[in-house]
Amino acid sequence: MTHPSIPGFTEHRVPVGDGVTLNAAVGGGGAPVVLLHGFPQTHLMWRHVAADLAADHTVICPDLRGYGASDKPAGSGRDVYSKRTMARDVVRLAAELGHDRFALAGHDRGALVAFRAAMDHPGAVSRVLFLDVLPTLDMWDALRGVSGAVGFHLYLMAQAPGLPEQMIGASADAFFGHFLDAWTHTPDAMPADVRGHYLAASAAAVPSIVADYRASAGVDVEHDCADREAGNRLAMPVTVLQQDWGAALGYHAQGLWSAWAGDLRHRTVSCGHFMAEEDPALVTGEIRALGDR
């Protein structure tokens, strides 16, 4: 069954080591930028942004390990879906496509992978944009009290293997569809064929999606803690676009990000969580503006 695609882009199967191959849509020409999707989506979420950026950039849009048409290795090992491993995938992907240094943008889960890539591979990542996320360590600290129920899925998928996969798999469309509906302010930004693609791709990837989230309740926290204790910070220009989650959950988002990034631009936006689809001009403009810093 075919899925919607980004016009003018070609999909490639690229080996990134450890027997894992990523699916990536590539288009355009010029300075490289890698775009990492979030949950519960695939690289297709970047279709508007990627098509615009392709006028003056080589744009690389992979499906993350465990998502979309990329490989989904069994998540039995603690590092298989760590953001460190997934970030290494991204750096190797870009290198295989001929780019040792690139700009990086990530949304949601992809933003956590982008954070780890920028932290672990500062020589490869020239600048980075994060969409609607906090670093993993801060995310867990922010989810407190009744208001933290918005993150119920984080706690569900943090449980030991078995029950989360069974529960989600038994009602995958309802589970993943809940987030596609609840997190968007502009329903028509996600047409029926695109929404259907996200639901089908997510239903086919329940074990690996859960493994990705489970890693963020374990090994990913360890990696963030080690960086915080060592005083490590992001070395490149950083832009963060976020909804005003801090007002709802009682944290100061810009302050949290400032602890990780010295060269920071933080902006609160009015669109929904899926901002690359709801306000692609905003996101594209911020990616281009990063090149001027």
Protein backbone atom coordinates (compact mmCIF):
# COMPACT_ATOMS: atom_id res chain seq x y z
CA MET A 1 0.00 0.00 0.00
CA THR A 2 1.42 3.38 -1.01
CA HIS A 3 1.42 6.33 1.36
CA PRO A 4 1.32 10.10 0.75
CA SER A 5 4.68 11.58 -0.15
CA ILE A 6 6.49 14.92 -0.27
CA PRO A 7 6.29 16.24 -3.84
CA GLY A 8 9.68 16.41 -5.53
CA PHE A 9 11.36 14.23 -2.90
CA THR A 10 12.80 10.75 -3.39
CA GLU A 11 12.71 8.12 -0.67
CA HIS A 12 15.93 6.24 0.06
CA ARG A 13 16.79 3.20 2.17
CA VAL A 14 20.01 4.08 4.02
CA PRO A 15 21.95 1.68 6.29
CA VAL A 16 23.09 3.31 9.53
CA GLY A 17 24.87 0.39 11.21
CA ASP A 18 23.95 -2.42 13.58
CA GLY A 19 21.84 -3.96 10.82
CA VAL A 20 19.39 -1.02 10.87
CA THR A 21 18.22 0.80 7.75
CA LEU A 22 16.32 4.09 7.80
CA ASN A 23 13.82 5.31 5.27
CA ALA A 24 14.48 8.95 4.33
CA ALA A 25 12.85 11.37 1.90
CA VAL A 26 15.49 13.63 0.31
CA GLY A 27 15.03 16.64 -1.94
CA GLY A 28 16.35 20.03 -2.94
CA GLY A 29 19.92 21.27 -3.11
CA GLY A 30 22.22 23.46 -1.04
CA ALA A 31 23.16 23.56 2.64
CA PRO A 32 21.85 20.38 4.35
CA VAL A 33 19.12 20.35 6.96
CA VAL A 34 17.75 17.23 8.65
CA LEU A 35 14.14 17.21 9.89
CA LEU A 36 13.06 14.70 12.57
CA HIS A 37 9.39 13.88 13.07
CA GLY A 38 7.43 13.38 16.27
CA PHE A 39 4.74 11.08 17.69
CA PRO A 40 2.50 9.62 16.38
CA GLN A 41 3.76 10.58 12.95
CA THR A 42 6.32 9.92 10.22
CA HIS A 43 8.58 12.08 8.07
CA LEU A 44 5.45 13.18 6.18
CA MET A 45 4.70 15.76 8.90
CA TRP A 46 7.42 17.92 7.30
CA ARG A 47 5.82 17.94 3.83
CA HIS A 48 5.10 21.69 3.73
CA VAL A 49 8.29 22.81 5.47
CA ALA A 50 10.48 20.46 3.44
CA ALA A 51 9.02 21.55 0.10
CA ASP A 52 9.69 25.21 0.96
CA LEU A 53 13.21 24.64 2.30
CA ALA A 54 14.14 22.56 -0.75
CA ALA A 55 14.38 25.78 -2.78
CA ASP A 56 17.76 26.49 -1.16
CA HIS A 57 18.62 23.50 1.05
CA THR A 58 19.23 19.80 0.71
CA VAL A 59 16.45 18.52 2.94
CA ILE A 60 16.63 15.10 4.59
CA CYS A 61 13.47 13.78 6.29
CA PRO A 62 13.97 10.33 7.83
CA ASP A 63 11.55 8.07 9.59
CA LEU A 64 13.13 7.53 12.98
CA ARG A 65 14.26 4.06 13.99
CA GLY A 66 11.09 2.21 15.01
CA TYR A 67 8.72 4.46 13.05
CA GLY A 68 7.22 4.64 9.57
CA ALA A 69 9.09 2.66 6.92
CA SER A 70 12.37 2.53 8.85
CA ASP A 71 13.56 -0.67 10.50
CA LYS A 72 12.08 -1.60 13.86
CA PRO A 73 14.60 -3.71 15.76
CA ALA A 74 13.35 -5.60 18.80
CA GLY A 75 13.64 -3.31 21.81
CA SER A 76 14.91 -5.87 24.32
CA GLY A 77 18.23 -4.08 24.98
CA ARG A 78 18.29 -0.89 27.05
CA ASP A 79 20.15 1.06 24.36
CA VAL A 80 18.25 -0.08 21.25
CA TYR A 81 15.89 2.91 21.43
CA SER A 82 17.93 5.27 23.56
CA LYS A 83 18.04 8.76 22.11
CA ARG A 84 21.82 8.34 21.99
CA THR A 85 21.43 5.40 19.61
CA MET A 86 18.74 7.14 17.57
CA ALA A 87 20.89 10.28 17.35
CA ARG A 88 23.81 8.22 16.09
CA ASP A 89 21.47 6.87 13.40
CA VAL A 90 20.80 10.43 12.25
CA VAL A 91 24.47 11.43 12.12
CA ARG A 92 25.32 8.26 10.18
CA LEU A 93 22.38 8.82 7.83
CA ALA A 94 23.56 12.32 6.97
CA ALA A 95 27.14 11.06 6.47
CA GLU A 96 25.96 8.29 4.17
CA LEU A 97 24.20 10.94 2.10
CA GLY A 98 27.40 12.99 1.93
CA HIS A 99 26.93 15.49 4.77
CA ASP A 100 29.26 15.52 7.76
CA ARG A 101 27.76 18.74 9.15
CA PHE A 102 24.14 19.87 8.96
CA ALA A 103 21.42 21.96 10.56
CA LEU A 104 18.86 19.96 12.52
CA ALA A 105 15.21 20.43 13.46
CA GLY A 106 13.12 18.06 15.56
CA HIS A 107 9.52 17.90 16.71
CA ASP A 108 8.31 16.06 19.82
CA ARG A 109 10.15 12.68 19.92
CA GLY A 110 12.33 13.84 17.06
CA ALA A 111 13.27 16.87 19.13
CA LEU A 112 14.55 14.58 21.88
CA VAL A 113 16.66 12.75 19.30
CA ALA A 114 17.85 16.13 17.98
CA PHE A 115 18.78 17.21 21.53
CA ARG A 116 20.93 14.12 22.01
CA ALA A 117 22.48 14.49 18.54
CA ALA A 118 23.41 18.10 19.26
CA MET A 119 24.78 17.19 22.69
CA ASP A 120 26.76 14.14 21.56
CA HIS A 121 27.84 15.31 18.10
CA PRO A 122 28.51 19.08 18.21
CA GLY A 123 30.91 18.74 15.31
CA ALA A 124 28.11 17.45 13.09
CA VAL A 125 25.21 19.68 14.18
CA SER A 126 25.70 23.33 13.20
CA ARG A 127 22.44 24.70 14.64
CA VAL A 128 19.23 23.21 15.99
CA LEU A 129 15.51 23.92 16.25
CA PHE A 130 13.31 22.17 18.84
CA LEU A 131 9.52 22.13 18.43
CA ASP A 132 7.23 21.83 21.46
CA VAL A 133 9.32 19.76 23.83
CA LEU A 134 11.44 19.91 26.97
CA PRO A 135 14.62 17.90 27.43
CA THR A 136 13.76 14.50 28.88
CA LEU A 137 15.03 15.24 32.39
CA ASP A 138 13.05 18.48 32.62
CA MET A 139 9.96 16.87 31.10
CA TRP A 140 9.67 14.37 33.94
CA ASP A 141 10.22 17.09 36.54
CA ALA A 142 7.46 19.22 34.98
CA LEU A 143 4.76 16.51 35.07
CA ARG A 144 3.39 16.96 38.58
CA GLY A 145 -0.03 16.81 40.17
CA VAL A 146 -3.36 16.57 38.41
CA SER A 147 -2.25 18.84 35.55
CA GLY A 148 0.41 16.25 34.69
CA ALA A 149 -2.35 13.88 33.52
CA VAL A 150 -1.84 15.38 30.06
CA GLY A 151 1.23 13.13 29.89
CA PHE A 152 -0.56 9.90 30.82
CA HIS A 153 0.90 8.11 27.81
CA LEU A 154 4.43 8.71 29.10
CA TYR A 155 3.67 6.75 32.25
CA LEU A 156 1.78 4.01 30.42
CA MET A 157 4.65 3.35 28.01
CA ALA A 158 7.22 3.52 30.81
CA GLN A 159 5.90 0.24 32.23
CA ALA A 160 7.69 -3.08 31.82
CA PRO A 161 7.27 -4.84 28.45
CA GLY A 162 3.95 -6.58 27.95
CA LEU A 163 0.99 -4.62 29.26
CA PRO A 164 1.51 -1.30 27.40
CA GLU A 165 1.99 -3.06 24.08
CA GLN A 166 -1.10 -5.21 24.67
CA MET A 167 -3.32 -2.32 25.70
CA ILE A 168 -2.25 0.02 22.90
CA GLY A 169 -2.27 -2.70 20.25
CA ALA A 170 -5.82 -3.69 21.17
CA SER A 171 -7.12 -0.21 20.31
CA ALA A 172 -4.37 1.39 18.28
CA ASP A 173 -6.49 3.74 16.17
CA ALA A 174 -8.29 5.09 19.24
CA PHE A 175 -5.03 5.52 21.15
CA PHE A 176 -2.97 7.24 18.45
CA GLY A 177 -5.98 9.10 17.07
CA HIS A 178 -6.56 10.66 20.49
CA PHE A 179 -3.28 12.57 20.25
CA LEU A 180 -3.77 13.58 16.63
CA ASP A 181 -7.14 15.08 17.59
CA ALA A 182 -6.38 16.49 21.05
CA TRP A 183 -3.09 18.16 20.21
CA THR A 184 -4.08 20.11 17.11
CA HIS A 185 -5.80 23.48 16.98
CA THR A 186 -6.37 23.31 13.20
CA PRO A 187 -7.98 19.98 12.24
CA ASP A 188 -7.86 20.61 8.49
CA ALA A 189 -4.07 20.92 8.70
CA MET A 190 -4.02 17.11 8.74
CA PRO A 191 -6.05 15.80 5.77
CA ALA A 192 -7.78 12.43 5.96
CA ASP A 193 -5.18 10.61 3.86
CA VAL A 194 -2.34 11.97 5.98
CA ARG A 195 -4.13 11.16 9.24
CA GLY A 196 -4.86 7.66 7.94
CA HIS A 197 -1.19 7.20 7.08
CA TYR A 198 -0.13 8.21 10.60
CA LEU A 199 -2.63 5.82 12.18
CA ALA A 200 -1.62 2.88 9.96
CA ALA A 201 2.10 3.51 10.45
CA SER A 202 1.72 3.80 14.22
CA ALA A 203 -0.47 0.69 14.53
CA ALA A 204 2.23 -1.26 12.68
CA ALA A 205 4.92 -0.02 15.08
CA VAL A 206 3.41 -0.38 18.56
CA PRO A 207 6.28 -2.38 20.14
CA SER A 208 8.99 -0.05 18.84
CA ILE A 209 7.08 3.13 19.71
CA VAL A 210 6.60 1.84 23.25
CA ALA A 211 10.30 0.93 23.41
CA ASP A 212 11.20 4.48 22.35
CA TYR A 213 9.08 5.94 25.16
CA ARG A 214 10.29 3.35 27.67
CA ALA A 215 13.87 4.43 27.00
CA SER A 216 12.88 7.98 27.97
CA ALA A 217 11.93 6.75 31.43
CA GLY A 218 15.28 5.01 31.88
CA VAL A 219 18.48 5.27 29.90
CA ASP A 220 17.65 8.67 28.41
CA VAL A 221 17.27 10.15 31.89
CA GLU A 222 20.66 8.69 32.84
CA HIS A 223 22.29 10.38 29.84
CA ASP A 224 20.69 13.75 30.61
CA CYS A 225 21.68 13.50 34.27
CA ALA A 226 25.28 12.75 33.31
CA ASP A 227 25.38 15.83 31.07
CA ARG A 228 23.83 18.04 33.72
CA GLU A 229 26.27 16.85 36.37
CA ALA A 230 29.18 17.45 33.99
CA GLY A 231 27.92 20.93 33.09
CA ASN A 232 27.64 20.03 29.40
CA ARG A 233 25.63 22.45 27.26
CA LEU A 234 24.59 22.74 23.64
CA ALA A 235 27.42 24.43 21.76
CA MET A 236 25.49 25.72 18.73
CA PRO A 237 22.73 28.30 18.16
CA VAL A 238 19.41 26.94 19.47
CA THR A 239 15.82 27.97 18.75
CA VAL A 240 12.86 26.57 20.68
CA LEU A 241 9.23 27.00 19.63
CA GLN A 242 6.69 25.91 22.23
CA GLN A 243 3.09 26.18 23.18
CA ASP A 244 2.61 27.75 26.59
CA TRP A 245 2.74 24.46 28.47
CA GLY A 246 4.58 26.20 31.28
CA ALA A 247 1.49 28.21 32.19
CA ALA A 248 -0.52 24.99 32.51
CA LEU A 249 2.09 22.87 34.27
CA GLY A 250 3.82 25.53 36.37
CA TYR A 251 7.32 25.77 34.91
CA HIS A 252 9.35 28.46 33.16
CA ALA A 253 10.16 26.94 29.80
CA GLN A 254 12.73 29.50 28.69
CA GLY A 255 14.53 29.18 32.01
CA LEU A 256 14.73 25.42 31.68
CA TRP A 257 16.11 25.65 28.16
CA SER A 258 18.60 28.37 29.15
CA ALA A 259 20.28 25.88 31.46
CA TRP A 260 21.13 23.78 28.39
CA ALA A 261 21.82 26.41 25.73
CA GLY A 262 23.87 29.59 25.88
CA ASP A 263 22.86 30.90 22.44
CA LEU A 264 19.09 30.52 22.79
CA ARG A 265 16.07 32.01 21.07
CA HIS A 266 12.84 30.89 22.77
CA ARG A 267 9.43 31.70 21.36
CA THR A 268 5.93 30.84 22.59
CA VAL A 269 3.50 30.16 19.74
CA SER A 270 -0.29 30.12 19.47
CA CYS A 271 -0.72 27.18 17.09
CA GLY A 272 -1.20 23.60 18.25
CA HIS A 273 1.37 20.91 18.91
CA PHE A 274 1.65 19.90 15.25
CA MET A 275 3.02 23.30 14.29
CA ALA A 276 4.92 22.16 11.18
CA GLU A 277 1.51 21.32 9.70
CA GLU A 278 -0.54 24.04 11.36
CA ASP A 279 1.85 26.93 10.71
CA PRO A 280 4.55 25.71 8.31
CA ALA A 281 5.56 29.25 7.30
CA LEU A 282 6.45 30.00 10.93
CA VAL A 283 8.57 26.86 11.26
CA THR A 284 10.28 27.32 7.91
CA GLY A 285 11.09 30.93 8.76
CA GLU A 286 12.67 29.94 12.06
CA ILE A 287 14.81 27.28 10.39
CA ARG A 288 16.06 29.83 7.86
CA ALA A 289 16.64 32.42 10.59
CA LEU A 290 18.90 30.00 12.43
CA GLY A 291 21.32 30.28 9.52
CA ASP A 292 21.75 33.99 10.28
CA ARG A 293 22.96 33.43 13.84
